[in-house]
């Protein structure tokens, strides 16, 4: 993750956030390809979240503020994972399916605090067993750094979204009806995301794209007004590459 942070110019994206822009980083790939590890890392190897937190918090000027939010998304539902963090917090909302969905953003002051908050937040993330992964993520997780800094004419408000997408997979690689249904819904949401990203590249986005599932609804503002970077995680084993088609 450290080399990817440098090679992909993520420090420049953080600079953009401090100028009041929206940026998004998506980890995309088949089930078991290392997306969650790339984002979260472990005790010995920091993931992108740790590196972003270090970079962002090192830049906060006097009078600035950083808040973190964490949402879990399935095809049609959004769950706030920071509602009971016990820290100073603020309320936000997003439009999903024509309804306002409220979420919590907590004020953070250190990297350790960020990681502790997020560790508690994702412990209840939906997981399941597939042919390729005994502990496969069955939902998307969206973590946002909301940055507010004073500027000459008031305040700059920027946002960095870091998304650990659920893995694409074939339905037949799930042993149960529920697993196959989850795989179908995951693949559908990823297909909708892919179509939206293609429209973004050709400047053809329109408000109807916000209504294409919970993932698109939450990320739409980043698509419309911000920058997107997708990290493709690839498992070198051929059977898994074919399995994700």
Protein backbone atom coordinates (compact mmCIF):
# COMPACT_ATOMS: atom_id res chain seq x y z
CA UNK A 1 0.00 0.00 0.00
CA UNK A 2 2.88 2.37 0.73
CA UNK A 3 4.30 2.08 -2.79
CA UNK A 4 0.81 2.43 -4.29
CA UNK A 5 0.27 5.60 -2.26
CA UNK A 6 3.37 7.16 -3.81
CA UNK A 7 3.04 5.71 -7.31
CA UNK A 8 -0.63 6.73 -7.72
CA UNK A 9 -0.07 10.27 -6.47
CA UNK A 10 -2.45 10.06 -3.54
CA UNK A 11 -0.67 12.88 -1.77
CA UNK A 12 -1.84 15.17 -4.58
CA UNK A 13 -5.40 13.98 -4.04
CA UNK A 14 -5.15 14.91 -0.38
CA UNK A 15 -3.95 18.35 -1.43
CA UNK A 16 -7.04 18.63 -3.64
CA UNK A 17 -9.29 17.77 -0.68
CA UNK A 18 -7.72 20.58 1.36
CA UNK A 19 -8.60 22.95 -1.47
CA UNK A 20 -12.29 22.03 -1.13
CA UNK A 21 -12.57 19.26 -3.73
CA UNK A 22 -14.10 15.78 -3.58
CA UNK A 23 -11.87 12.78 -4.29
CA UNK A 24 -12.67 9.05 -4.27
CA UNK A 25 -10.48 5.94 -4.24
CA UNK A 26 -12.10 2.60 -5.06
CA UNK A 27 -10.60 -0.88 -4.50
CA UNK A 28 -12.06 -3.15 -7.18
CA UNK A 29 -11.55 -6.83 -7.97
CA UNK A 30 -12.72 -10.41 -7.67
CA UNK A 31 -13.52 -12.07 -4.36
CA UNK A 32 -10.32 -12.89 -2.47
CA UNK A 33 -8.07 -10.59 -4.54
CA UNK A 34 -6.89 -8.46 -1.60
CA UNK A 35 -9.13 -5.38 -1.74
CA UNK A 36 -9.82 -5.24 2.00
CA UNK A 37 -6.16 -5.80 2.84
CA UNK A 38 -5.17 -3.02 0.44
CA UNK A 39 -7.52 -0.60 2.18
CA UNK A 40 -7.18 -1.67 5.82
CA UNK A 41 -3.80 -3.45 5.98
CA UNK A 42 -2.84 -5.15 9.26
CA UNK A 43 -0.68 -4.56 12.32
CA UNK A 44 2.53 -5.07 10.32
CA UNK A 45 1.69 -3.50 6.96
CA UNK A 46 -0.37 -0.29 6.86
CA UNK A 47 -3.23 -0.06 4.42
CA UNK A 48 -4.27 2.97 2.43
CA UNK A 49 -6.56 4.15 5.22
CA UNK A 50 -3.63 4.50 7.61
CA UNK A 51 -1.58 6.36 5.02
CA UNK A 52 -4.43 8.72 4.16
CA UNK A 53 -5.07 9.39 7.86
CA UNK A 54 -1.39 10.17 8.45
CA UNK A 55 -1.24 12.50 5.46
CA UNK A 56 -4.49 14.31 6.22
CA UNK A 57 -3.97 14.83 9.94
CA UNK A 58 -0.42 16.07 9.40
CA UNK A 59 -1.77 18.91 7.26
CA UNK A 60 -4.64 20.21 9.41
CA UNK A 61 -3.96 23.88 10.21
CA UNK A 62 -5.05 25.77 13.28
CA UNK A 63 -8.81 26.14 13.15
CA UNK A 64 -9.20 23.16 10.84
CA UNK A 65 -11.21 20.04 11.50
CA UNK A 66 -11.31 16.44 10.25
CA UNK A 67 -14.31 14.14 10.63
CA UNK A 68 -14.63 10.50 9.67
CA UNK A 69 -17.76 8.60 8.64
CA UNK A 70 -18.26 4.92 7.80
CA UNK A 71 -21.17 3.52 5.79
CA UNK A 72 -21.90 -0.08 4.87
CA UNK A 73 -23.79 -0.46 1.60
CA UNK A 74 -25.67 -3.35 0.08
CA UNK A 75 -27.53 -3.13 -3.21
CA UNK A 76 -30.39 -1.04 -1.80
CA UNK A 77 -29.55 -0.26 1.83
CA UNK A 78 -27.16 2.02 3.73
CA UNK A 79 -26.09 1.37 7.34
CA UNK A 80 -24.31 3.92 9.51
CA UNK A 81 -21.46 2.15 11.35
CA UNK A 82 -20.42 5.05 13.60
CA UNK A 83 -23.69 5.79 15.34
CA UNK A 84 -22.52 4.76 18.82
CA UNK A 85 -18.83 5.72 18.76
CA UNK A 86 -19.06 7.88 21.90
CA UNK A 87 -16.95 10.66 20.34
CA UNK A 88 -17.82 14.23 19.42
CA UNK A 89 -19.94 13.90 16.36
CA UNK A 90 -22.05 15.63 13.75
CA UNK A 91 -24.96 14.41 11.67
CA UNK A 92 -25.04 14.22 7.90
CA UNK A 93 -27.41 12.73 5.36
CA UNK A 94 -27.47 11.24 1.87
CA UNK A 95 -30.33 10.63 -0.55
CA UNK A 96 -30.92 6.92 -1.22
CA UNK A 97 -34.01 5.67 -2.99
CA UNK A 98 -35.68 9.06 -2.65
CA UNK A 99 -35.22 9.14 1.13
CA UNK A 100 -32.84 11.01 3.39
CA UNK A 101 -30.56 8.52 5.17
CA UNK A 102 -28.79 10.00 8.19
CA UNK A 103 -25.23 9.13 9.16
CA UNK A 104 -22.72 10.07 11.84
CA UNK A 105 -19.36 11.78 11.30
CA UNK A 106 -16.99 11.83 14.29
CA UNK A 107 -14.27 14.40 14.96
CA UNK A 108 -10.79 12.84 14.97
CA UNK A 109 -7.45 14.24 16.10
CA UNK A 110 -4.95 11.38 15.63
CA UNK A 111 -4.26 8.41 13.39
CA UNK A 112 -4.67 6.06 16.35
CA UNK A 113 -8.12 7.48 16.98
CA UNK A 114 -9.11 7.05 13.32
CA UNK A 115 -8.04 3.41 13.27
CA UNK A 116 -9.70 2.62 16.61
CA UNK A 117 -12.98 4.13 15.43
CA UNK A 118 -12.91 2.25 12.13
CA UNK A 119 -11.89 -1.05 13.72
CA UNK A 120 -15.01 -0.88 15.87
CA UNK A 121 -17.12 0.21 12.91
CA UNK A 122 -16.33 -2.65 10.54
CA UNK A 123 -16.41 -5.51 13.04
CA UNK A 124 -20.06 -6.11 12.13
CA UNK A 125 -19.58 -5.89 8.37
CA UNK A 126 -21.51 -8.54 6.47
CA UNK A 127 -19.35 -11.49 5.43
CA UNK A 128 -20.02 -14.94 3.99
CA UNK A 129 -18.30 -18.04 2.71
CA UNK A 130 -17.70 -18.69 -0.99
CA UNK A 131 -15.67 -21.21 -2.94
CA UNK A 132 -12.77 -18.76 -3.09
CA UNK A 133 -12.94 -17.03 0.27
CA UNK A 134 -14.16 -18.36 3.63
CA UNK A 135 -14.63 -14.79 4.91
CA UNK A 136 -15.79 -12.85 1.88
CA UNK A 137 -17.15 -9.32 2.21
CA UNK A 138 -20.83 -9.25 1.24
CA UNK A 139 -21.18 -5.48 1.27
CA UNK A 140 -19.36 -2.35 0.19
CA UNK A 141 -17.75 -0.16 2.86
CA UNK A 142 -17.38 3.58 2.31
CA UNK A 143 -15.11 5.56 4.64
CA UNK A 144 -14.98 9.31 4.28
CA UNK A 145 -12.60 11.95 5.58
CA UNK A 146 -14.52 15.25 5.78
CA UNK A 147 -12.01 18.11 5.88
CA UNK A 148 -12.74 21.70 6.85
CA UNK A 149 -10.00 24.32 6.80
CA UNK A 150 -10.07 28.11 7.06
CA UNK A 151 -9.19 30.05 3.93
CA UNK A 152 -9.01 33.74 3.05
CA UNK A 153 -12.68 33.94 2.05
CA UNK A 154 -14.18 31.67 4.67
CA UNK A 155 -13.88 27.89 4.78
CA UNK A 156 -12.85 25.16 2.34
CA UNK A 157 -14.78 21.90 2.71
CA UNK A 158 -13.43 18.82 0.94
CA UNK A 159 -14.09 15.11 1.15
CA UNK A 160 -12.01 12.00 0.50
CA UNK A 161 -14.00 8.80 -0.02
CA UNK A 162 -12.20 5.46 0.35
CA UNK A 163 -14.28 2.51 -0.84
CA UNK A 164 -13.66 -1.19 -0.22
CA UNK A 165 -15.98 -2.74 -2.81
CA UNK A 166 -17.43 -6.20 -2.38
CA UNK A 167 -15.83 -8.64 -4.80
CA UNK A 168 -17.38 -9.60 -8.12
CA UNK A 169 -17.96 -13.34 -8.47
CA UNK A 170 -20.02 -15.99 -10.19
CA UNK A 171 -23.24 -16.98 -8.48
CA UNK A 172 -22.41 -20.69 -8.84
CA UNK A 173 -19.45 -20.28 -6.48
CA UNK A 174 -21.89 -19.92 -3.59
CA UNK A 175 -23.31 -23.04 -1.98
CA UNK A 176 -26.55 -21.51 -0.67
CA UNK A 177 -29.52 -19.67 -2.18
CA UNK A 178 -28.76 -16.69 0.05
CA UNK A 179 -25.15 -16.63 -1.10
CA UNK A 180 -26.18 -16.75 -4.74
CA UNK A 181 -28.67 -13.95 -4.20
CA UNK A 182 -26.01 -11.82 -2.49
CA UNK A 183 -23.58 -12.47 -5.35
CA UNK A 184 -26.26 -11.44 -7.86
CA UNK A 185 -26.91 -8.19 -5.99
CA UNK A 186 -23.19 -7.44 -5.62
CA UNK A 187 -22.60 -7.98 -9.33
CA UNK A 188 -25.59 -5.81 -10.17
CA UNK A 189 -24.35 -2.92 -8.04
CA UNK A 190 -20.85 -3.21 -9.55
CA UNK A 191 -22.34 -3.21 -13.06
CA UNK A 192 -24.27 -0.05 -12.24
CA UNK A 193 -21.08 1.50 -10.85
CA UNK A 194 -19.14 0.61 -14.01
CA UNK A 195 -21.79 2.19 -16.23
CA UNK A 196 -21.75 5.35 -14.15
CA UNK A 197 -17.96 5.60 -14.30
CA UNK A 198 -18.09 5.26 -18.08
CA UNK A 199 -20.69 8.04 -18.29
CA UNK A 200 -18.54 10.20 -16.03
CA UNK A 201 -15.60 9.83 -18.42
CA UNK A 202 -17.73 11.02 -21.34
CA UNK A 203 -19.37 13.78 -19.28
CA UNK A 204 -22.81 12.22 -19.72
CA UNK A 205 -23.83 11.92 -16.06
CA UNK A 206 -27.40 12.94 -15.23
CA UNK A 207 -29.49 12.89 -12.04
CA UNK A 208 -30.99 9.50 -12.93
CA UNK A 209 -27.59 7.91 -12.25
CA UNK A 210 -28.00 8.78 -8.56
CA UNK A 211 -30.98 6.39 -8.44
CA UNK A 212 -29.05 3.35 -9.67
CA UNK A 213 -28.60 1.62 -6.31
CA UNK A 214 -27.24 2.67 -2.93
CA UNK A 215 -23.60 2.74 -4.05
CA UNK A 216 -24.27 5.18 -6.87
CA UNK A 217 -26.54 7.28 -4.66
CA UNK A 218 -23.86 7.81 -2.02
CA UNK A 219 -21.00 8.39 -4.48
CA UNK A 220 -22.86 10.47 -7.03
CA UNK A 221 -21.56 13.85 -5.83
CA UNK A 222 -17.99 12.57 -6.05
CA UNK A 223 -18.67 11.34 -9.59
CA UNK A 224 -20.24 14.65 -10.61
CA UNK A 225 -17.81 17.14 -9.09
CA UNK A 226 -14.68 15.25 -8.06
CA UNK A 227 -11.87 12.93 -9.03
CA UNK A 228 -11.96 9.12 -9.06
CA UNK A 229 -9.11 6.61 -8.78
CA UNK A 230 -9.80 2.87 -9.09
CA UNK A 231 -7.28 0.35 -7.78
CA UNK A 232 -7.69 -3.01 -9.51
CA UNK A 233 -6.71 -5.90 -7.24
CA UNK A 234 -5.89 -9.04 -9.21
CA UNK A 235 -5.45 -12.59 -7.97
CA UNK A 236 -2.80 -14.18 -10.23
CA UNK A 237 -4.44 -17.62 -10.08
CA UNK A 238 -6.18 -18.17 -13.42
CA UNK A 239 -9.24 -19.94 -12.01
CA UNK A 240 -10.03 -16.92 -9.85
CA UNK A 241 -9.55 -14.52 -12.73
CA UNK A 242 -12.04 -16.51 -14.79
CA UNK A 243 -14.34 -16.86 -11.80
CA UNK A 244 -14.85 -13.13 -11.54
CA UNK A 245 -16.28 -12.74 -15.02
